[in-house]
Amino acid sequence: AAGSRRGAAHAVGMVGDAWEGKHAIFDVTNTLMELQEPVGRTYARIAARHGIEVGEEEMDQGFRREFSLLVGDRQIAYGDVKGQLGRAEVVEREWWRKLVRNVMQCEDDEAYQACFDECFDHFATNKAWKLFPEVKPTLDSLRARGCRLSIVSNWDLRLELLIDQLGLREYADFVIL
């Protein structure tokens, strides 16, 4: 599995034709794709449209802090809804809502809800994410060498739609979330 920014293309170059009959497994964030812009900039821009003033740097720092605090809660929540896709989507959205509320600390609930909904939906699209330039040529090269390809990630359920939008579905023999 390639797990670093230089992982995908570097791994293919290292092993040459030895991929025939093998299976390469990729994570997505910072391996196959990256944000179009820093997360704090996106949230600050969208928040401003809803009358919420937050700084880009404040948002970036807040996300790092809150994400590390809530990551344990996320694992527990998913365990409670195993096999219940609709319920998992609700739990997942509420987990992100809690994280973003902790970061923004917005008093106006109506403005916050509208801002959160727009942000949550935005990060499920290729407007927020882009593939690294070498990804498709690397995946084409692996596929041409007879290698099976999978995407395995601890991303949330929005990744399914995003994989389609980024044109990765055609490469993946398996997608495991």
N, C-alpha and C. Protein backbone atom coordinates (compact mmCIF):
# COMPACT_ATOMS: atom_id res chain seq x y z
N ALA A 1 0.84 -1.19 0.00
CA ALA A 1 0.00 0.00 0.00
C ALA A 1 0.88 1.23 0.00
N ALA A 2 0.46 2.21 -0.74
CA ALA A 2 1.17 3.47 -0.76
C ALA A 2 0.48 4.41 0.19
N GLY A 3 1.21 4.96 1.14
CA GLY A 3 0.56 5.77 2.15
C GLY A 3 1.10 7.17 2.28
N SER A 4 1.99 7.58 1.43
CA SER A 4 2.51 8.93 1.53
C SER A 4 2.29 9.66 0.22
N ARG A 5 2.49 10.95 0.25
CA ARG A 5 2.26 11.79 -0.93
C ARG A 5 3.02 11.27 -2.13
N ARG A 6 4.25 10.83 -1.97
CA ARG A 6 5.02 10.35 -3.11
C ARG A 6 4.85 8.86 -3.33
N GLY A 7 3.99 8.23 -2.54
CA GLY A 7 3.85 6.78 -2.53
C GLY A 7 3.43 6.13 -3.83
N ALA A 8 2.37 6.60 -4.47
CA ALA A 8 1.82 5.89 -5.63
C ALA A 8 2.80 5.80 -6.78
N ALA A 9 3.30 6.91 -7.26
CA ALA A 9 4.22 6.88 -8.40
C ALA A 9 5.55 6.25 -8.02
N HIS A 10 6.03 6.53 -6.84
CA HIS A 10 7.31 6.00 -6.38
C HIS A 10 7.27 4.47 -6.29
N ALA A 11 6.17 3.93 -5.77
CA ALA A 11 6.06 2.47 -5.63
C ALA A 11 6.10 1.78 -6.98
N VAL A 12 5.43 2.34 -7.97
CA VAL A 12 5.41 1.73 -9.30
C VAL A 12 6.80 1.74 -9.90
N GLY A 13 7.48 2.86 -9.79
CA GLY A 13 8.83 2.97 -10.34
C GLY A 13 9.80 2.02 -9.68
N MET A 14 9.64 1.73 -8.42
CA MET A 14 10.57 0.87 -7.68
C MET A 14 10.50 -0.57 -8.13
N VAL A 15 9.34 -1.05 -8.47
CA VAL A 15 9.20 -2.49 -8.70
C VAL A 15 9.08 -2.89 -10.16
N GLY A 16 9.01 -1.93 -11.07
CA GLY A 16 8.97 -2.24 -12.50
C GLY A 16 7.83 -3.17 -12.86
N ASP A 17 8.14 -4.26 -13.54
CA ASP A 17 7.11 -5.18 -14.04
C ASP A 17 6.67 -6.23 -13.02
N ALA A 18 7.14 -6.14 -11.81
CA ALA A 18 6.82 -7.15 -10.80
C ALA A 18 5.39 -7.08 -10.29
N TRP A 19 4.53 -6.27 -10.88
CA TRP A 19 3.17 -6.11 -10.41
C TRP A 19 2.20 -7.13 -10.97
N GLU A 20 2.58 -7.90 -11.96
CA GLU A 20 1.65 -8.86 -12.56
C GLU A 20 1.15 -9.83 -11.50
N GLY A 21 -0.17 -9.96 -11.42
CA GLY A 21 -0.79 -10.86 -10.46
C GLY A 21 -0.83 -10.31 -9.04
N LYS A 22 -0.36 -9.12 -8.82
CA LYS A 22 -0.34 -8.52 -7.47
C LYS A 22 -1.58 -7.66 -7.27
N HIS A 23 -1.70 -7.15 -6.06
CA HIS A 23 -2.84 -6.31 -5.69
C HIS A 23 -2.29 -5.09 -4.95
N ALA A 24 -2.48 -3.91 -5.51
CA ALA A 24 -2.05 -2.66 -4.86
C ALA A 24 -3.24 -2.04 -4.14
N ILE A 25 -3.00 -1.60 -2.92
CA ILE A 25 -4.05 -1.01 -2.09
C ILE A 25 -3.65 0.42 -1.78
N PHE A 26 -4.59 1.33 -2.02
CA PHE A 26 -4.32 2.75 -1.81
C PHE A 26 -5.31 3.36 -0.83
N ASP A 27 -4.80 4.22 0.05
CA ASP A 27 -5.65 5.12 0.80
C ASP A 27 -5.95 6.28 -0.14
N VAL A 28 -6.78 7.22 0.25
CA VAL A 28 -7.13 8.30 -0.67
C VAL A 28 -6.47 9.63 -0.32
N THR A 29 -6.73 10.14 0.87
CA THR A 29 -6.26 11.47 1.23
C THR A 29 -4.73 11.51 1.31
N ASN A 30 -4.17 12.42 0.54
CA ASN A 30 -2.73 12.65 0.44
C ASN A 30 -1.96 11.49 -0.17
N THR A 31 -2.66 10.54 -0.75
CA THR A 31 -2.05 9.49 -1.56
C THR A 31 -2.56 9.60 -2.99
N LEU A 32 -3.88 9.60 -3.15
CA LEU A 32 -4.48 9.75 -4.47
C LEU A 32 -5.01 11.16 -4.71
N MET A 33 -5.44 11.82 -3.65
CA MET A 33 -6.06 13.14 -3.80
C MET A 33 -5.64 14.05 -2.66
N GLU A 34 -5.89 15.34 -2.91
CA GLU A 34 -5.63 16.37 -1.91
C GLU A 34 -6.71 17.44 -2.02
N LEU A 35 -6.78 18.29 -1.02
CA LEU A 35 -7.75 19.38 -1.04
C LEU A 35 -7.40 20.38 -2.14
N GLN A 36 -8.43 20.99 -2.73
CA GLN A 36 -8.23 22.06 -3.70
C GLN A 36 -7.62 23.30 -3.03
N GLU A 37 -8.01 23.52 -1.77
CA GLU A 37 -7.49 24.65 -1.00
C GLU A 37 -7.50 24.24 0.48
N PRO A 38 -6.77 24.95 1.33
CA PRO A 38 -6.76 24.59 2.76
C PRO A 38 -8.18 24.58 3.35
N VAL A 39 -8.42 23.64 4.24
CA VAL A 39 -9.76 23.46 4.81
C VAL A 39 -10.24 24.73 5.51
N GLY A 40 -9.35 25.42 6.20
CA GLY A 40 -9.74 26.65 6.88
C GLY A 40 -10.21 27.73 5.93
N ARG A 41 -9.57 27.82 4.77
CA ARG A 41 -9.97 28.81 3.76
C ARG A 41 -11.37 28.49 3.24
N THR A 42 -11.63 27.22 2.98
CA THR A 42 -12.95 26.83 2.47
C THR A 42 -14.04 27.15 3.49
N TYR A 43 -13.82 26.74 4.75
CA TYR A 43 -14.84 26.99 5.77
C TYR A 43 -15.03 28.49 6.00
N ALA A 44 -13.95 29.26 6.04
CA ALA A 44 -14.06 30.71 6.27
C ALA A 44 -14.83 31.37 5.11
N ARG A 45 -14.55 30.96 3.88
CA ARG A 45 -15.23 31.52 2.71
C ARG A 45 -16.73 31.21 2.74
N ILE A 46 -17.06 29.94 3.02
CA ILE A 46 -18.48 29.55 3.06
C ILE A 46 -19.17 30.20 4.26
N ALA A 47 -18.50 30.26 5.39
CA ALA A 47 -19.07 30.90 6.59
C ALA A 47 -19.41 32.36 6.32
N ALA A 48 -18.54 33.07 5.62
CA ALA A 48 -18.77 34.49 5.32
C ALA A 48 -20.05 34.67 4.51
N ARG A 49 -20.35 33.73 3.62
CA ARG A 49 -21.59 33.82 2.84
C ARG A 49 -22.82 33.72 3.73
N HIS A 50 -22.66 33.13 4.91
CA HIS A 50 -23.78 32.97 5.84
C HIS A 50 -23.70 33.97 7.00
N GLY A 51 -22.84 34.99 6.85
CA GLY A 51 -22.73 36.04 7.86
C GLY A 51 -21.93 35.64 9.09
N ILE A 52 -21.14 34.59 8.98
CA ILE A 52 -20.31 34.14 10.10
C ILE A 52 -18.87 34.52 9.79
N GLU A 53 -18.28 35.30 10.68
CA GLU A 53 -16.89 35.74 10.47
C GLU A 53 -15.94 34.86 11.28
N VAL A 54 -15.16 34.08 10.58
CA VAL A 54 -14.12 33.26 11.20
C VAL A 54 -12.88 33.36 10.33
N GLY A 55 -11.72 33.33 10.96
CA GLY A 55 -10.47 33.43 10.22
C GLY A 55 -10.01 32.08 9.68
N GLU A 56 -9.31 32.14 8.56
CA GLU A 56 -8.80 30.92 7.93
C GLU A 56 -7.84 30.17 8.86
N GLU A 57 -6.91 30.87 9.45
CA GLU A 57 -5.93 30.22 10.34
C GLU A 57 -6.61 29.67 11.59
N GLU A 58 -7.56 30.43 12.12
CA GLU A 58 -8.34 29.99 13.28
C GLU A 58 -9.07 28.68 12.97
N MET A 59 -9.64 28.59 11.77
CA MET A 59 -10.34 27.38 11.35
C MET A 59 -9.37 26.22 11.20
N ASP A 60 -8.23 26.43 10.55
CA ASP A 60 -7.24 25.36 10.38
C ASP A 60 -6.79 24.81 11.73
N GLN A 61 -6.43 25.70 12.65
CA GLN A 61 -5.99 25.26 13.97
C GLN A 61 -7.11 24.56 14.73
N GLY A 62 -8.30 25.11 14.64
CA GLY A 62 -9.45 24.51 15.32
C GLY A 62 -9.77 23.12 14.81
N PHE A 63 -9.67 22.93 13.50
CA PHE A 63 -9.91 21.61 12.93
C PHE A 63 -8.90 20.59 13.43
N ARG A 64 -7.65 20.96 13.43
CA ARG A 64 -6.63 20.02 13.93
C ARG A 64 -6.90 19.64 15.38
N ARG A 65 -7.20 20.65 16.20
CA ARG A 65 -7.47 20.42 17.62
C ARG A 65 -8.70 19.54 17.83
N GLU A 66 -9.82 19.95 17.25
CA GLU A 66 -11.08 19.24 17.47
C GLU A 66 -11.10 17.85 16.85
N PHE A 67 -10.48 17.71 15.69
CA PHE A 67 -10.46 16.40 15.05
C PHE A 67 -9.74 15.40 15.95
N SER A 68 -8.60 15.80 16.51
CA SER A 68 -7.86 14.88 17.38
C SER A 68 -8.65 14.55 18.64
N LEU A 69 -9.45 15.49 19.15
CA LEU A 69 -10.25 15.24 20.34
C LEU A 69 -11.43 14.32 20.06
N LEU A 70 -12.04 14.44 18.88
CA LEU A 70 -13.26 13.69 18.57
C LEU A 70 -13.02 12.36 17.87
N VAL A 71 -11.81 12.09 17.44
CA VAL A 71 -11.59 10.89 16.63
C VAL A 71 -11.97 9.62 17.39
N GLY A 72 -11.78 9.57 18.66
CA GLY A 72 -12.19 8.41 19.44
C GLY A 72 -13.70 8.22 19.45
N ASP A 73 -14.45 9.34 19.55
CA ASP A 73 -15.91 9.27 19.50
C ASP A 73 -16.39 8.70 18.17
N ARG A 74 -15.68 9.02 17.10
CA ARG A 74 -16.10 8.56 15.76
C ARG A 74 -16.08 7.04 15.70
N GLN A 75 -15.06 6.41 16.24
CA GLN A 75 -14.96 4.96 16.20
C GLN A 75 -16.10 4.32 16.99
N ILE A 76 -16.41 4.85 18.14
CA ILE A 76 -17.49 4.32 18.97
C ILE A 76 -18.83 4.46 18.24
N ALA A 77 -19.08 5.62 17.62
CA ALA A 77 -20.35 5.85 16.93
C ALA A 77 -20.56 4.86 15.80
N TYR A 78 -19.53 4.58 15.01
CA TYR A 78 -19.69 3.65 13.91
C TYR A 78 -19.94 2.23 14.41
N GLY A 79 -19.34 1.87 15.50
CA GLY A 79 -19.56 0.54 16.06
C GLY A 79 -21.00 0.33 16.48
N ASP A 80 -21.66 1.40 16.87
CA ASP A 80 -23.05 1.33 17.33
C ASP A 80 -24.06 1.17 16.20
N VAL A 81 -23.65 1.41 14.95
CA VAL A 81 -24.60 1.37 13.83
C VAL A 81 -24.17 0.39 12.75
N LYS A 82 -23.38 -0.57 13.13
CA LYS A 82 -22.89 -1.56 12.17
C LYS A 82 -24.05 -2.19 11.40
N GLY A 83 -23.94 -2.18 10.07
CA GLY A 83 -24.96 -2.79 9.23
C GLY A 83 -26.19 -1.93 8.99
N GLN A 84 -26.20 -0.72 9.51
CA GLN A 84 -27.35 0.17 9.34
C GLN A 84 -26.91 1.42 8.57
N LEU A 85 -26.84 1.30 7.23
CA LEU A 85 -26.28 2.36 6.41
C LEU A 85 -26.95 3.72 6.64
N GLY A 86 -28.25 3.77 6.62
CA GLY A 86 -28.95 5.03 6.83
C GLY A 86 -28.62 5.66 8.17
N ARG A 87 -28.57 4.84 9.18
CA ARG A 87 -28.23 5.33 10.53
C ARG A 87 -26.77 5.78 10.58
N ALA A 88 -25.89 5.07 9.90
CA ALA A 88 -24.47 5.44 9.86
C ALA A 88 -24.29 6.83 9.25
N GLU A 89 -25.06 7.13 8.19
CA GLU A 89 -24.98 8.44 7.56
C GLU A 89 -25.39 9.54 8.52
N VAL A 90 -26.42 9.30 9.32
CA VAL A 90 -26.88 10.28 10.29
C VAL A 90 -25.82 10.48 11.38
N VAL A 91 -25.27 9.40 11.90
CA VAL A 91 -24.25 9.47 12.94
C VAL A 91 -23.03 10.22 12.44
N GLU A 92 -22.64 9.90 11.23
CA GLU A 92 -21.48 10.53 10.62
C GLU A 92 -21.69 12.04 10.46
N ARG A 93 -22.83 12.43 9.95
CA ARG A 93 -23.12 13.86 9.77
C ARG A 93 -23.14 14.58 11.11
N GLU A 94 -23.72 13.95 12.13
CA GLU A 94 -23.77 14.57 13.46
C GLU A 94 -22.37 14.69 14.07
N TRP A 95 -21.50 13.71 13.81
CA TRP A 95 -20.12 13.79 14.29
C TRP A 95 -19.44 15.01 13.68
N TRP A 96 -19.57 15.20 12.36
CA TRP A 96 -18.97 16.36 11.69
C TRP A 96 -19.63 17.65 12.18
N ARG A 97 -20.94 17.63 12.41
CA ARG A 97 -21.64 18.84 12.88
C ARG A 97 -21.06 19.27 14.23
N LYS A 98 -20.83 18.30 15.10
CA LYS A 98 -20.26 18.60 16.42
C LYS A 98 -18.86 19.18 16.26
N LEU A 99 -18.04 18.59 15.43
CA LEU A 99 -16.68 19.07 15.22
C LEU A 99 -16.68 20.50 14.70
N VAL A 100 -17.47 20.76 13.67
CA VAL A 100 -17.49 22.09 13.06
C VAL A 100 -18.05 23.12 14.04
N ARG A 101 -19.09 22.74 14.80
CA ARG A 101 -19.64 23.68 15.80
C ARG A 101 -18.58 24.03 16.84
N ASN A 102 -17.82 23.04 17.27
CA ASN A 102 -16.76 23.30 18.25
C ASN A 102 -15.70 24.24 17.69
N VAL A 103 -15.43 24.12 16.41
CA VAL A 103 -14.43 24.98 15.79
C VAL A 103 -14.97 26.39 15.58
N MET A 104 -16.17 26.51 15.03
CA MET A 104 -16.73 27.84 14.69
C MET A 104 -17.24 28.60 15.90
N GLN A 105 -17.78 27.90 16.87
CA GLN A 105 -18.37 28.52 18.06
C GLN A 105 -19.33 29.65 17.65
N CYS A 106 -20.22 29.33 16.75
CA CYS A 106 -21.18 30.29 16.22
C CYS A 106 -22.43 30.34 17.10
N GLU A 107 -22.87 31.54 17.45
CA GLU A 107 -24.05 31.72 18.29
C GLU A 107 -25.36 31.64 17.50
N ASP A 108 -25.32 32.02 16.24
CA ASP A 108 -26.51 32.06 15.39
C ASP A 108 -26.77 30.66 14.84
N ASP A 109 -27.72 29.95 15.45
CA ASP A 109 -27.95 28.56 15.08
C ASP A 109 -28.43 28.40 13.64
N GLU A 110 -29.29 29.30 13.17
CA GLU A 110 -29.80 29.20 11.81
C GLU A 110 -28.68 29.40 10.78
N ALA A 111 -27.85 30.40 11.01
CA ALA A 111 -26.72 30.65 10.10
C ALA A 111 -25.74 29.48 10.16
N TYR A 112 -25.50 29.00 11.37
CA TYR A 112 -24.56 27.87 11.51
C TYR A 112 -25.07 26.64 10.76
N GLN A 113 -26.35 26.30 10.91
CA GLN A 113 -26.90 25.11 10.25
C GLN A 113 -26.76 25.21 8.73
N ALA A 114 -27.09 26.38 8.18
CA ALA A 114 -26.98 26.58 6.74
C ALA A 114 -25.52 26.48 6.28
N CYS A 115 -24.63 27.08 7.06
CA CYS A 115 -23.20 27.03 6.74
C CYS A 115 -22.69 25.59 6.81
N PHE A 116 -23.04 24.90 7.88
CA PHE A 116 -22.58 23.51 8.02
C PHE A 116 -23.08 22.65 6.86
N ASP A 117 -24.35 22.75 6.54
CA ASP A 117 -24.91 21.93 5.45
C ASP A 117 -24.16 22.18 4.15
N GLU A 118 -23.88 23.45 3.84
CA GLU A 118 -23.16 23.76 2.60
C GLU A 118 -21.74 23.18 2.64
N CYS A 119 -21.06 23.34 3.78
CA CYS A 119 -19.69 22.82 3.91
C CYS A 119 -19.66 21.29 3.81
N PHE A 120 -20.56 20.64 4.51
CA PHE A 120 -20.60 19.18 4.50
C PHE A 120 -20.81 18.66 3.09
N ASP A 121 -21.74 19.26 2.38
CA ASP A 121 -22.00 18.84 1.00
C ASP A 121 -20.83 19.16 0.08
N HIS A 122 -20.19 20.31 0.29
CA HIS A 122 -19.06 20.71 -0.54
C HIS A 122 -17.92 19.69 -0.48
N PHE A 123 -17.61 19.21 0.70
CA PHE A 123 -16.47 18.29 0.86
C PHE A 123 -16.77 16.88 0.35
N ALA A 124 -17.97 16.67 -0.15
CA ALA A 124 -18.30 15.39 -0.79
C ALA A 124 -18.15 15.47 -2.30
N THR A 125 -17.60 16.59 -2.80
CA THR A 125 -17.52 16.79 -4.24
C THR A 125 -16.10 17.05 -4.72
N ASN A 126 -15.93 16.93 -6.02
CA ASN A 126 -14.63 17.22 -6.60
C ASN A 126 -14.37 18.72 -6.68
N LYS A 127 -15.26 19.53 -6.19
CA LYS A 127 -14.98 20.97 -6.04
C LYS A 127 -14.04 21.20 -4.86
N ALA A 128 -14.01 20.27 -3.92
CA ALA A 128 -13.15 20.38 -2.75
C ALA A 128 -11.85 19.59 -2.91
N TRP A 129 -11.84 18.59 -3.75
CA TRP A 129 -10.72 17.66 -3.87
C TRP A 129 -10.21 17.57 -5.30
N LYS A 130 -8.95 17.21 -5.45
CA LYS A 130 -8.37 16.97 -6.77
C LYS A 130 -7.37 15.82 -6.67
N LEU A 131 -7.27 15.09 -7.75
CA LEU A 131 -6.28 14.01 -7.82
C LEU A 131 -4.90 14.62 -8.02
N PHE A 132 -3.88 13.95 -7.49
CA PHE A 132 -2.52 14.34 -7.82
C PHE A 132 -2.32 14.04 -9.31
N PRO A 133 -1.52 14.83 -10.00
CA PRO A 133 -1.38 14.65 -11.45
C PRO A 133 -0.88 13.28 -11.88
N GLU A 134 -0.09 12.64 -11.07
CA GLU A 134 0.47 11.35 -11.46
C GLU A 134 -0.42 10.14 -11.16
N VAL A 135 -1.56 10.38 -10.52
CA VAL A 135 -2.39 9.26 -10.07
C VAL A 135 -2.92 8.42 -11.23
N LYS A 136 -3.62 9.02 -12.17
CA LYS A 136 -4.19 8.22 -13.25
C LYS A 136 -3.12 7.54 -14.10
N PRO A 137 -2.03 8.22 -14.48
CA PRO A 137 -0.98 7.50 -15.20
C PRO A 137 -0.39 6.34 -14.40
N THR A 138 -0.26 6.52 -13.09
CA THR A 138 0.25 5.44 -12.24
C THR A 138 -0.71 4.27 -12.19
N LEU A 139 -2.00 4.56 -12.00
CA LEU A 139 -2.99 3.49 -11.96
C LEU A 139 -3.10 2.80 -13.32
N ASP A 140 -3.02 3.57 -14.41
CA ASP A 140 -3.01 2.97 -15.75
C ASP A 140 -1.82 2.03 -15.91
N SER A 141 -0.66 2.45 -15.43
CA SER A 141 0.55 1.64 -15.54
C SER A 141 0.43 0.34 -14.74
N LEU A 142 -0.10 0.45 -13.54
CA LEU A 142 -0.29 -0.75 -12.71
C LEU A 142 -1.28 -1.71 -13.38
N ARG A 143 -2.38 -1.16 -13.85
CA ARG A 143 -3.40 -1.98 -14.49
C ARG A 143 -2.82 -2.67 -15.73
N ALA A 144 -2.02 -1.94 -16.53
CA ALA A 144 -1.40 -2.51 -17.73
C ALA A 144 -0.43 -3.64 -17.38
N ARG A 145 0.09 -3.63 -16.17
CA ARG A 145 1.02 -4.66 -15.71
C ARG A 145 0.30 -5.84 -15.06
N GLY A 146 -1.03 -5.82 -15.10
CA GLY A 146 -1.80 -6.94 -14.56
C GLY A 146 -2.09 -6.86 -13.08
N CYS A 147 -1.95 -5.68 -12.52
CA CYS A 147 -2.16 -5.50 -11.08
C CYS A 147 -3.62 -5.17 -10.79
N ARG A 148 -4.17 -5.78 -9.76
CA ARG A 148 -5.49 -5.41 -9.26
C ARG A 148 -5.33 -4.21 -8.33
N LEU A 149 -6.35 -3.37 -8.26
CA LEU A 149 -6.26 -2.13 -7.49
C LEU A 149 -7.44 -2.00 -6.55
N SER A 150 -7.16 -1.54 -5.34
CA SER A 150 -8.23 -1.31 -4.36
C SER A 150 -8.00 0.01 -3.64
N ILE A 151 -9.10 0.57 -3.20
CA ILE A 151 -9.08 1.75 -2.35
C ILE A 151 -9.63 1.32 -1.00
N VAL A 152 -8.84 1.52 0.03
CA VAL A 152 -9.22 1.16 1.40
C VAL A 152 -9.02 2.41 2.25
N SER A 153 -10.08 2.84 2.94
CA SER A 153 -9.98 4.09 3.66
C SER A 153 -10.89 4.11 4.88
N ASN A 154 -10.51 4.93 5.85
CA ASN A 154 -11.38 5.16 7.00
C ASN A 154 -12.15 6.47 6.83
N TRP A 155 -12.27 6.90 5.58
CA TRP A 155 -13.06 8.08 5.22
C TRP A 155 -14.51 7.84 5.59
N ASP A 156 -15.32 8.88 5.55
CA ASP A 156 -16.74 8.68 5.78
C ASP A 156 -17.44 8.26 4.48
N LEU A 157 -18.73 8.03 4.56
CA LEU A 157 -19.49 7.45 3.45
C LEU A 157 -19.58 8.35 2.22
N ARG A 158 -19.25 9.63 2.36
CA ARG A 158 -19.25 10.54 1.22
C ARG A 158 -18.19 10.15 0.18
N LEU A 159 -17.23 9.34 0.58
CA LEU A 159 -16.16 8.96 -0.34
C LEU A 159 -16.69 8.19 -1.55
N GLU A 160 -17.73 7.42 -1.38
CA GLU A 160 -18.31 6.66 -2.50
C GLU A 160 -18.64 7.57 -3.67
N LEU A 161 -19.34 8.65 -3.42
CA LEU A 161 -19.71 9.60 -4.45
C LEU A 161 -18.47 10.30 -5.02
N LEU A 162 -17.57 10.66 -4.15
CA LEU A 162 -16.36 11.37 -4.56
C LEU A 162 -15.48 10.51 -5.47
N ILE A 163 -15.37 9.23 -5.19
CA ILE A 163 -14.60 8.33 -6.04
C ILE A 163 -15.14 8.34 -7.47
N ASP A 164 -16.46 8.37 -7.60
CA ASP A 164 -17.07 8.46 -8.93
C ASP A 164 -16.73 9.79 -9.59
N GLN A 165 -16.89 10.88 -8.86
CA GLN A 165 -16.65 12.20 -9.43
C GLN A 165 -15.20 12.39 -9.87
N LEU A 166 -14.27 11.79 -9.16
CA LEU A 166 -12.85 11.94 -9.49
C LEU A 166 -12.39 10.94 -10.56
N GLY A 167 -13.29 10.06 -10.98
CA GLY A 167 -12.94 9.09 -12.01
C GLY A 167 -12.08 7.94 -11.52
N LEU A 168 -12.17 7.62 -10.24
CA LEU A 168 -11.38 6.52 -9.68
C LEU A 168 -12.11 5.18 -9.69
N ARG A 169 -13.42 5.21 -9.79
CA ARG A 169 -14.21 3.97 -9.72
C ARG A 169 -13.76 2.96 -10.77
N GLU A 170 -13.47 3.42 -11.98
CA GLU A 170 -13.08 2.52 -13.06
C GLU A 170 -11.78 1.78 -12.77
N TYR A 171 -10.97 2.30 -11.86
CA TYR A 171 -9.69 1.67 -11.53
C TYR A 171 -9.82 0.65 -10.39
N ALA A 172 -10.80 0.83 -9.55
CA ALA A 172 -10.87 0.07 -8.30
C ALA A 172 -11.61 -1.25 -8.47
N ASP A 173 -10.90 -2.34 -8.18
CA ASP A 173 -11.55 -3.64 -8.12
C ASP A 173 -12.40 -3.73 -6.85
N PHE A 174 -11.93 -3.06 -5.80
CA PHE A 174 -12.64 -3.04 -4.52
C PHE A 174 -12.52 -1.64 -3.91
N VAL A 175 -13.57 -1.21 -3.23
CA VAL A 175 -13.54 -0.01 -2.41
C VAL A 175 -14.03 -0.42 -1.04
N ILE A 176 -13.21 -0.23 -0.05
CA ILE A 176 -13.57 -0.62 1.32
C ILE A 176 -13.48 0.61 2.22
N LEU A 177 -14.62 0.92 2.85
CA LEU A 177 -14.68 2.05 3.80
C LEU A 177 -14.85 1.53 5.19
